Amino acid sequence: MSSQTIRLTVHFAHGESFTVEADADDMQLRNLAGNIEQAMSANYVGVELEGALHLFPLHAIRAIEISPAPTSVMAHVVRDVRRAR
């Protein structure tokens, strides 16, 4: 399995962003997608970074961006679209 760098950015309602990167193979990328999907039904999103756990309450989050997009199917996600001009 090949590994690729995944970037996760949490955009907060107050305007700041929090970005982390990780190397992930296909299975880890599918797990990340599932973890984000589960977090959306919880009250927070958590990230372990350099030995510290960061928990972000969902009410403070405006958007979460994962790049490249996971290939696994996530509920409530519309795929293969482009922004209208």
N, C-alpha and C. Protein backbone atom coordinates (compact mmCIF):
# COMPACT_ATOMS: atom_id res chain seq x y z
N MET A 1 0.83 -1.19 0.00
CA MET A 1 0.00 0.00 0.00
C MET A 1 0.87 1.24 0.00
N SER A 2 0.52 2.18 -0.86
CA SER A 2 1.29 3.41 -0.90
C SER A 2 0.70 4.40 0.10
N SER A 3 1.57 5.28 0.56
CA SER A 3 1.17 6.27 1.54
C SER A 3 1.13 7.63 0.87
N GLN A 4 0.21 8.47 1.33
CA GLN A 4 0.13 9.84 0.81
C GLN A 4 -0.08 10.80 1.98
N THR A 5 0.27 12.04 1.76
CA THR A 5 0.09 13.04 2.80
C THR A 5 -1.34 13.56 2.74
N ILE A 6 -2.00 13.51 3.89
CA ILE A 6 -3.37 13.97 4.03
C ILE A 6 -3.36 15.25 4.85
N ARG A 7 -4.11 16.24 4.42
CA ARG A 7 -4.22 17.50 5.16
C ARG A 7 -5.64 17.64 5.69
N LEU A 8 -5.75 17.89 6.98
CA LEU A 8 -7.04 18.10 7.64
C LEU A 8 -7.06 19.53 8.17
N THR A 9 -8.02 20.32 7.72
CA THR A 9 -8.14 21.70 8.18
C THR A 9 -9.50 21.88 8.83
N VAL A 10 -9.50 22.39 10.06
CA VAL A 10 -10.72 22.74 10.76
C VAL A 10 -10.85 24.26 10.70
N HIS A 11 -11.93 24.75 10.10
CA HIS A 11 -12.19 26.18 9.99
C HIS A 11 -13.19 26.54 11.10
N PHE A 12 -12.81 27.46 11.95
CA PHE A 12 -13.65 27.83 13.08
C PHE A 12 -14.57 28.99 12.74
N ALA A 13 -15.67 29.08 13.45
CA ALA A 13 -16.66 30.13 13.23
C ALA A 13 -16.07 31.52 13.44
N HIS A 14 -15.08 31.66 14.31
CA HIS A 14 -14.50 32.98 14.59
C HIS A 14 -13.43 33.38 13.58
N GLY A 15 -13.17 32.52 12.56
CA GLY A 15 -12.29 32.91 11.47
C GLY A 15 -10.93 32.23 11.43
N GLU A 16 -10.47 31.66 12.53
CA GLU A 16 -9.17 30.99 12.52
C GLU A 16 -9.30 29.58 11.96
N SER A 17 -8.16 29.00 11.58
CA SER A 17 -8.11 27.62 11.09
C SER A 17 -7.05 26.85 11.84
N PHE A 18 -7.20 25.54 11.88
CA PHE A 18 -6.26 24.62 12.52
C PHE A 18 -5.99 23.52 11.50
N THR A 19 -4.73 23.40 11.03
CA THR A 19 -4.39 22.45 9.98
C THR A 19 -3.34 21.48 10.48
N VAL A 20 -3.57 20.19 10.21
CA VAL A 20 -2.59 19.15 10.52
C VAL A 20 -2.39 18.30 9.27
N GLU A 21 -1.24 17.64 9.21
CA GLU A 21 -0.94 16.72 8.11
C GLU A 21 -0.53 15.38 8.68
N ALA A 22 -0.82 14.32 7.93
CA ALA A 22 -0.41 12.98 8.32
C ALA A 22 -0.20 12.16 7.06
N ASP A 23 0.71 11.20 7.16
CA ASP A 23 0.88 10.25 6.08
C ASP A 23 -0.10 9.11 6.32
N ALA A 24 -0.86 8.74 5.30
CA ALA A 24 -1.88 7.71 5.47
C ALA A 24 -1.94 6.82 4.23
N ASP A 25 -2.11 5.52 4.48
CA ASP A 25 -2.37 4.61 3.36
C ASP A 25 -3.88 4.58 3.12
N ASP A 26 -4.32 3.77 2.17
CA ASP A 26 -5.74 3.75 1.80
C ASP A 26 -6.64 3.39 2.99
N MET A 27 -6.23 2.42 3.79
CA MET A 27 -7.05 2.00 4.93
C MET A 27 -7.14 3.12 5.97
N GLN A 28 -6.03 3.79 6.25
CA GLN A 28 -6.05 4.90 7.21
C GLN A 28 -6.91 6.05 6.71
N LEU A 29 -6.90 6.29 5.41
CA LEU A 29 -7.73 7.36 4.84
C LEU A 29 -9.21 7.01 4.97
N ARG A 30 -9.57 5.74 4.74
CA ARG A 30 -10.97 5.32 4.94
C ARG A 30 -11.36 5.47 6.40
N ASN A 31 -10.45 5.11 7.32
CA ASN A 31 -10.73 5.26 8.75
C ASN A 31 -10.91 6.73 9.12
N LEU A 32 -10.10 7.61 8.54
CA LEU A 32 -10.23 9.04 8.81
C LEU A 32 -11.60 9.54 8.39
N ALA A 33 -12.04 9.12 7.22
CA ALA A 33 -13.37 9.53 6.75
C ALA A 33 -14.44 9.04 7.71
N GLY A 34 -14.35 7.81 8.16
CA GLY A 34 -15.31 7.27 9.11
C GLY A 34 -15.27 7.99 10.44
N ASN A 35 -14.07 8.32 10.90
CA ASN A 35 -13.92 9.04 12.17
C ASN A 35 -14.55 10.42 12.09
N ILE A 36 -14.35 11.12 10.98
CA ILE A 36 -14.94 12.45 10.81
C ILE A 36 -16.47 12.32 10.77
N GLU A 37 -16.94 11.31 10.05
CA GLU A 37 -18.39 11.10 9.96
C GLU A 37 -18.99 10.83 11.34
N GLN A 38 -18.32 10.02 12.16
CA GLN A 38 -18.80 9.75 13.53
C GLN A 38 -18.73 11.00 14.38
N ALA A 39 -17.69 11.80 14.21
CA ALA A 39 -17.54 13.02 15.00
C ALA A 39 -18.68 14.00 14.73
N MET A 40 -19.19 13.99 13.50
CA MET A 40 -20.27 14.90 13.16
C MET A 40 -21.55 14.59 13.92
N SER A 41 -21.69 13.36 14.42
CA SER A 41 -22.86 13.03 15.23
C SER A 41 -22.55 13.14 16.72
N ALA A 42 -21.33 13.53 17.06
CA ALA A 42 -20.94 13.75 18.45
C ALA A 42 -20.97 15.26 18.71
N ASN A 43 -20.43 15.67 19.83
CA ASN A 43 -20.39 17.09 20.17
C ASN A 43 -19.04 17.73 19.90
N TYR A 44 -18.08 16.95 19.43
CA TYR A 44 -16.74 17.47 19.24
C TYR A 44 -15.99 16.68 18.17
N VAL A 45 -14.89 17.27 17.69
CA VAL A 45 -13.93 16.61 16.83
C VAL A 45 -12.61 16.63 17.59
N GLY A 46 -11.93 15.51 17.64
CA GLY A 46 -10.67 15.43 18.38
C GLY A 46 -9.50 15.11 17.47
N VAL A 47 -8.35 15.69 17.78
CA VAL A 47 -7.11 15.44 17.05
C VAL A 47 -6.00 15.24 18.08
N GLU A 48 -5.26 14.14 17.94
CA GLU A 48 -4.08 13.94 18.78
C GLU A 48 -2.88 14.49 18.02
N LEU A 49 -2.19 15.44 18.62
CA LEU A 49 -1.07 16.13 17.97
C LEU A 49 0.10 16.21 18.93
N GLU A 50 1.20 15.57 18.55
CA GLU A 50 2.45 15.63 19.31
C GLU A 50 2.23 15.32 20.79
N GLY A 51 1.45 14.28 21.06
CA GLY A 51 1.24 13.84 22.44
C GLY A 51 0.15 14.57 23.20
N ALA A 52 -0.47 15.56 22.57
CA ALA A 52 -1.55 16.30 23.23
C ALA A 52 -2.85 16.06 22.47
N LEU A 53 -3.94 15.98 23.21
CA LEU A 53 -5.25 15.79 22.61
C LEU A 53 -5.96 17.14 22.52
N HIS A 54 -6.40 17.49 21.31
CA HIS A 54 -7.11 18.74 21.07
C HIS A 54 -8.56 18.38 20.75
N LEU A 55 -9.51 18.88 21.51
CA LEU A 55 -10.93 18.64 21.29
C LEU A 55 -11.59 19.95 20.88
N PHE A 56 -12.32 19.92 19.78
CA PHE A 56 -12.97 21.11 19.26
C PHE A 56 -14.48 20.90 19.29
N PRO A 57 -15.22 21.71 20.03
CA PRO A 57 -16.68 21.56 20.05
C PRO A 57 -17.27 21.89 18.68
N LEU A 58 -18.23 21.09 18.24
CA LEU A 58 -18.81 21.29 16.91
C LEU A 58 -19.45 22.66 16.74
N HIS A 59 -20.01 23.22 17.80
CA HIS A 59 -20.66 24.54 17.66
C HIS A 59 -19.67 25.63 17.29
N ALA A 60 -18.36 25.38 17.48
CA ALA A 60 -17.34 26.37 17.15
C ALA A 60 -16.75 26.16 15.75
N ILE A 61 -17.18 25.11 15.06
CA ILE A 61 -16.60 24.75 13.76
C ILE A 61 -17.55 25.18 12.64
N ARG A 62 -16.97 25.89 11.67
CA ARG A 62 -17.72 26.30 10.48
C ARG A 62 -17.62 25.24 9.39
N ALA A 63 -16.41 24.63 9.22
CA ALA A 63 -16.20 23.63 8.17
C ALA A 63 -14.99 22.78 8.49
N ILE A 64 -14.97 21.57 7.95
CA ILE A 64 -13.82 20.67 8.04
C ILE A 64 -13.45 20.28 6.63
N GLU A 65 -12.19 20.43 6.29
CA GLU A 65 -11.71 20.13 4.94
C GLU A 65 -10.67 19.01 5.02
N ILE A 66 -10.84 17.98 4.19
CA ILE A 66 -9.89 16.88 4.09
C ILE A 66 -9.39 16.86 2.66
N SER A 67 -8.07 16.90 2.49
CA SER A 67 -7.50 16.92 1.15
C SER A 67 -6.30 15.98 1.09
N PRO A 68 -6.24 15.08 0.11
CA PRO A 68 -7.25 14.83 -0.89
C PRO A 68 -8.49 14.19 -0.27
N ALA A 69 -9.61 14.30 -0.96
CA ALA A 69 -10.87 13.76 -0.46
C ALA A 69 -10.79 12.24 -0.32
N PRO A 70 -11.31 11.69 0.77
CA PRO A 70 -11.33 10.24 0.91
C PRO A 70 -12.17 9.60 -0.20
N THR A 71 -11.74 8.43 -0.66
CA THR A 71 -12.47 7.75 -1.72
C THR A 71 -13.63 6.92 -1.17
N SER A 72 -13.64 6.68 0.14
CA SER A 72 -14.73 5.89 0.72
C SER A 72 -16.01 6.70 0.73
N VAL A 73 -17.12 5.99 0.66
CA VAL A 73 -18.43 6.64 0.63
C VAL A 73 -18.78 7.14 2.02
N MET A 74 -19.16 8.41 2.11
CA MET A 74 -19.61 9.01 3.36
C MET A 74 -21.05 9.45 3.15
N ALA A 75 -21.87 9.20 4.16
CA ALA A 75 -23.27 9.63 4.08
C ALA A 75 -23.33 11.14 3.97
N HIS A 76 -24.29 11.65 3.23
CA HIS A 76 -24.57 13.09 3.12
C HIS A 76 -23.47 13.84 2.37
N VAL A 77 -22.66 13.15 1.56
CA VAL A 77 -21.62 13.81 0.78
C VAL A 77 -21.96 13.68 -0.69
N VAL A 78 -22.02 14.80 -1.39
CA VAL A 78 -22.25 14.83 -2.83
C VAL A 78 -20.88 14.85 -3.49
N ARG A 79 -20.66 13.93 -4.40
CA ARG A 79 -19.33 13.80 -5.04
C ARG A 79 -19.36 14.28 -6.49
N ASP A 80 -18.16 14.50 -7.02
CA ASP A 80 -17.95 14.82 -8.44
C ASP A 80 -18.73 16.06 -8.87
N VAL A 81 -18.62 17.12 -8.09
CA VAL A 81 -19.25 18.39 -8.43
C VAL A 81 -18.19 19.45 -8.63
N ARG A 82 -18.58 20.56 -9.19
CA ARG A 82 -17.68 21.70 -9.32
C ARG A 82 -18.45 22.97 -8.95
N ARG A 83 -17.73 23.98 -8.52
CA ARG A 83 -18.35 25.24 -8.10
C ARG A 83 -18.88 25.97 -9.33
N ALA A 84 -20.10 26.46 -9.26
CA ALA A 84 -20.69 27.22 -10.35
C ALA A 84 -20.09 28.61 -10.38
N ARG A 85 -19.98 29.16 -11.54
CA ARG A 85 -19.42 30.51 -11.68
C ARG A 85 -20.50 31.53 -11.73
